[in-house]
Amino acid sequence: MVIKILGTGCPKCKKLEENARQAISSLSEDITIEKVTDLNQIMNFGVMITPALVIDEEVKSVGKVLSSDAIKKLIEN
């Protein structure tokens, strides 16, 4: 599983990444987190507002900082 954090490095983007890392730390699955900061790549996902969370190439959240529990639920579903 690959989780991508889309954002240019703003505080909200960094918090979303931190929450994603917390979420996967308690899971036994093989999960990779990637940061995507290139605006062209971000727009290729159809995202115009960051931060955004992408799980296995599917956009799950845009413009919000999800909690680690909310991210964990998305991963488990």
N, C-alpha and C. Protein backbone atom coordinates (compact mmCIF):
# COMPACT_ATOMS: atom_id res chain seq x y z
N MET A 1 0.85 -1.18 0.00
CA MET A 1 0.00 0.00 0.00
C MET A 1 0.89 1.24 0.00
N VAL A 2 0.49 2.22 -0.78
CA VAL A 2 1.23 3.48 -0.85
C VAL A 2 0.30 4.62 -0.47
N ILE A 3 0.74 5.40 0.49
CA ILE A 3 0.01 6.60 0.90
C ILE A 3 0.82 7.79 0.41
N LYS A 4 0.14 8.72 -0.26
CA LYS A 4 0.81 9.93 -0.73
C LYS A 4 0.20 11.14 -0.03
N ILE A 5 1.08 12.01 0.43
CA ILE A 5 0.67 13.28 1.01
C ILE A 5 0.95 14.33 -0.06
N LEU A 6 -0.10 14.96 -0.54
CA LEU A 6 0.05 15.99 -1.57
C LEU A 6 0.05 17.35 -0.91
N GLY A 7 1.12 18.11 -1.15
CA GLY A 7 1.21 19.45 -0.59
C GLY A 7 2.59 20.02 -0.79
N THR A 8 2.66 21.33 -0.67
CA THR A 8 3.91 22.04 -0.96
C THR A 8 4.82 22.19 0.26
N GLY A 9 4.40 21.70 1.39
CA GLY A 9 5.24 21.80 2.59
C GLY A 9 4.71 22.76 3.64
N CYS A 10 3.47 23.14 3.52
CA CYS A 10 2.87 24.04 4.51
C CYS A 10 2.69 23.30 5.85
N PRO A 11 2.43 24.03 6.92
CA PRO A 11 2.24 23.38 8.23
C PRO A 11 1.14 22.32 8.23
N LYS A 12 0.04 22.56 7.51
CA LYS A 12 -1.04 21.56 7.45
C LYS A 12 -0.57 20.29 6.75
N CYS A 13 0.23 20.45 5.70
CA CYS A 13 0.75 19.29 4.97
C CYS A 13 1.66 18.47 5.88
N LYS A 14 2.49 19.15 6.63
CA LYS A 14 3.41 18.46 7.55
C LYS A 14 2.64 17.74 8.65
N LYS A 15 1.56 18.34 9.13
CA LYS A 15 0.75 17.71 10.17
C LYS A 15 0.04 16.47 9.63
N LEU A 16 -0.46 16.56 8.38
CA LEU A 16 -1.11 15.40 7.78
C LEU A 16 -0.12 14.26 7.63
N GLU A 17 1.11 14.57 7.23
CA GLU A 17 2.13 13.53 7.10
C GLU A 17 2.43 12.91 8.47
N GLU A 18 2.55 13.75 9.48
CA GLU A 18 2.81 13.26 10.84
C GLU A 18 1.69 12.33 11.31
N ASN A 19 0.44 12.73 11.05
CA ASN A 19 -0.70 11.90 11.45
C ASN A 19 -0.73 10.58 10.68
N ALA A 20 -0.34 10.61 9.41
CA ALA A 20 -0.30 9.39 8.61
C ALA A 20 0.76 8.44 9.15
N ARG A 21 1.91 8.98 9.52
CA ARG A 21 2.98 8.15 10.09
C ARG A 21 2.55 7.52 11.42
N GLN A 22 1.81 8.29 12.23
CA GLN A 22 1.29 7.75 13.49
C GLN A 22 0.29 6.63 13.19
N ALA A 23 -0.54 6.81 12.20
CA ALA A 23 -1.57 5.82 11.87
C ALA A 23 -0.94 4.50 11.44
N ILE A 24 0.10 4.56 10.61
CA ILE A 24 0.69 3.31 10.12
C ILE A 24 1.62 2.65 11.14
N SER A 25 2.06 3.41 12.13
CA SER A 25 2.98 2.84 13.12
C SER A 25 2.32 1.72 13.92
N SER A 26 1.00 1.77 14.05
CA SER A 26 0.30 0.75 14.84
C SER A 26 -0.27 -0.37 13.97
N LEU A 27 -0.05 -0.29 12.66
CA LEU A 27 -0.56 -1.32 11.75
C LEU A 27 0.58 -2.22 11.30
N SER A 28 0.27 -3.47 11.07
CA SER A 28 1.30 -4.42 10.68
C SER A 28 1.44 -4.54 9.16
N GLU A 29 0.65 -3.80 8.42
CA GLU A 29 0.70 -3.88 6.96
C GLU A 29 1.97 -3.21 6.42
N ASP A 30 2.35 -3.60 5.21
CA ASP A 30 3.48 -2.98 4.53
C ASP A 30 2.98 -1.73 3.83
N ILE A 31 3.27 -0.57 4.43
CA ILE A 31 2.74 0.70 3.92
C ILE A 31 3.91 1.67 3.74
N THR A 32 3.91 2.34 2.59
CA THR A 32 4.92 3.34 2.28
C THR A 32 4.25 4.71 2.22
N ILE A 33 4.94 5.72 2.76
CA ILE A 33 4.43 7.09 2.67
C ILE A 33 5.35 7.89 1.76
N GLU A 34 4.74 8.57 0.80
CA GLU A 34 5.48 9.42 -0.12
C GLU A 34 4.93 10.83 -0.04
N LYS A 35 5.82 11.81 -0.14
CA LYS A 35 5.41 13.21 -0.21
C LYS A 35 5.46 13.65 -1.66
N VAL A 36 4.41 14.31 -2.10
CA VAL A 36 4.35 14.84 -3.46
C VAL A 36 4.24 16.35 -3.34
N THR A 37 5.30 17.06 -3.77
CA THR A 37 5.31 18.51 -3.65
C THR A 37 5.24 19.22 -5.00
N ASP A 38 5.42 18.48 -6.09
CA ASP A 38 5.37 19.06 -7.42
C ASP A 38 3.93 19.41 -7.79
N LEU A 39 3.70 20.68 -8.12
CA LEU A 39 2.34 21.14 -8.39
C LEU A 39 1.71 20.43 -9.59
N ASN A 40 2.50 20.10 -10.59
CA ASN A 40 1.95 19.39 -11.75
C ASN A 40 1.47 18.00 -11.35
N GLN A 41 2.24 17.30 -10.53
CA GLN A 41 1.83 15.98 -10.07
C GLN A 41 0.57 16.08 -9.19
N ILE A 42 0.53 17.11 -8.34
CA ILE A 42 -0.65 17.30 -7.48
C ILE A 42 -1.88 17.54 -8.34
N MET A 43 -1.75 18.38 -9.36
CA MET A 43 -2.89 18.68 -10.23
C MET A 43 -3.30 17.47 -11.07
N ASN A 44 -2.36 16.57 -11.36
CA ASN A 44 -2.71 15.34 -12.09
C ASN A 44 -3.70 14.47 -11.31
N PHE A 45 -3.73 14.63 -9.99
CA PHE A 45 -4.71 13.92 -9.16
C PHE A 45 -6.05 14.66 -9.12
N GLY A 46 -6.12 15.84 -9.75
CA GLY A 46 -7.33 16.64 -9.74
C GLY A 46 -7.48 17.44 -8.46
N VAL A 47 -6.39 17.59 -7.72
CA VAL A 47 -6.42 18.28 -6.43
C VAL A 47 -6.03 19.73 -6.64
N MET A 48 -6.88 20.63 -6.15
CA MET A 48 -6.60 22.06 -6.25
C MET A 48 -6.34 22.69 -4.88
N ILE A 49 -6.69 21.97 -3.82
CA ILE A 49 -6.50 22.47 -2.46
C ILE A 49 -5.70 21.42 -1.69
N THR A 50 -4.64 21.87 -1.04
CA THR A 50 -3.83 20.94 -0.24
C THR A 50 -4.03 21.26 1.23
N PRO A 51 -3.73 20.35 2.11
CA PRO A 51 -3.14 19.05 1.86
C PRO A 51 -4.17 18.06 1.35
N ALA A 52 -3.67 17.01 0.71
CA ALA A 52 -4.54 15.94 0.24
C ALA A 52 -3.90 14.60 0.59
N LEU A 53 -4.75 13.61 0.81
CA LEU A 53 -4.30 12.27 1.16
C LEU A 53 -4.74 11.32 0.04
N VAL A 54 -3.78 10.55 -0.48
CA VAL A 54 -4.05 9.60 -1.55
C VAL A 54 -3.63 8.22 -1.05
N ILE A 55 -4.52 7.25 -1.19
CA ILE A 55 -4.20 5.87 -0.82
C ILE A 55 -4.34 5.02 -2.07
N ASP A 56 -3.24 4.37 -2.44
CA ASP A 56 -3.21 3.53 -3.65
C ASP A 56 -3.82 4.25 -4.85
N GLU A 57 -3.33 5.47 -5.09
CA GLU A 57 -3.70 6.29 -6.25
C GLU A 57 -5.14 6.79 -6.23
N GLU A 58 -5.84 6.66 -5.11
CA GLU A 58 -7.21 7.17 -4.99
C GLU A 58 -7.24 8.29 -3.95
N VAL A 59 -7.70 9.46 -4.37
CA VAL A 59 -7.77 10.61 -3.47
C VAL A 59 -8.83 10.34 -2.41
N LYS A 60 -8.43 10.41 -1.15
CA LYS A 60 -9.34 10.13 -0.03
C LYS A 60 -9.75 11.39 0.73
N SER A 61 -8.90 12.41 0.69
CA SER A 61 -9.20 13.63 1.44
C SER A 61 -8.51 14.81 0.78
N VAL A 62 -9.20 15.96 0.75
CA VAL A 62 -8.65 17.18 0.16
C VAL A 62 -8.93 18.35 1.09
N GLY A 63 -7.89 19.13 1.37
CA GLY A 63 -8.06 20.37 2.13
C GLY A 63 -8.27 20.19 3.62
N LYS A 64 -8.04 18.98 4.13
CA LYS A 64 -8.25 18.72 5.56
C LYS A 64 -7.03 18.03 6.14
N VAL A 65 -6.84 18.25 7.43
CA VAL A 65 -5.82 17.52 8.18
C VAL A 65 -6.55 16.44 8.96
N LEU A 66 -6.54 15.24 8.42
CA LEU A 66 -7.22 14.12 9.09
C LEU A 66 -6.44 13.68 10.31
N SER A 67 -7.15 13.21 11.31
CA SER A 67 -6.50 12.67 12.50
C SER A 67 -5.89 11.32 12.16
N SER A 68 -4.98 10.85 13.00
CA SER A 68 -4.38 9.54 12.76
C SER A 68 -5.44 8.44 12.81
N ASP A 69 -6.44 8.59 13.67
CA ASP A 69 -7.53 7.59 13.74
C ASP A 69 -8.34 7.57 12.45
N ALA A 70 -8.62 8.73 11.88
CA ALA A 70 -9.37 8.80 10.63
C ALA A 70 -8.57 8.18 9.49
N ILE A 71 -7.27 8.40 9.48
CA ILE A 71 -6.42 7.82 8.44
C ILE A 71 -6.38 6.30 8.60
N LYS A 72 -6.29 5.85 9.83
CA LYS A 72 -6.25 4.41 10.10
C LYS A 72 -7.52 3.74 9.59
N LYS A 73 -8.67 4.39 9.77
CA LYS A 73 -9.94 3.84 9.28
C LYS A 73 -9.96 3.75 7.76
N LEU A 74 -9.41 4.76 7.09
CA LEU A 74 -9.35 4.73 5.63
C LEU A 74 -8.45 3.60 5.14
N ILE A 75 -7.36 3.37 5.84
CA ILE A 75 -6.43 2.31 5.47
C ILE A 75 -7.09 0.94 5.65
N GLU A 76 -7.81 0.77 6.75
CA GLU A 76 -8.41 -0.51 7.05
C GLU A 76 -9.58 -0.85 6.14
N ASN A 77 -10.21 0.17 5.54
CA ASN A 77 -11.34 -0.06 4.63
C ASN A 77 -10.82 -0.26 3.28
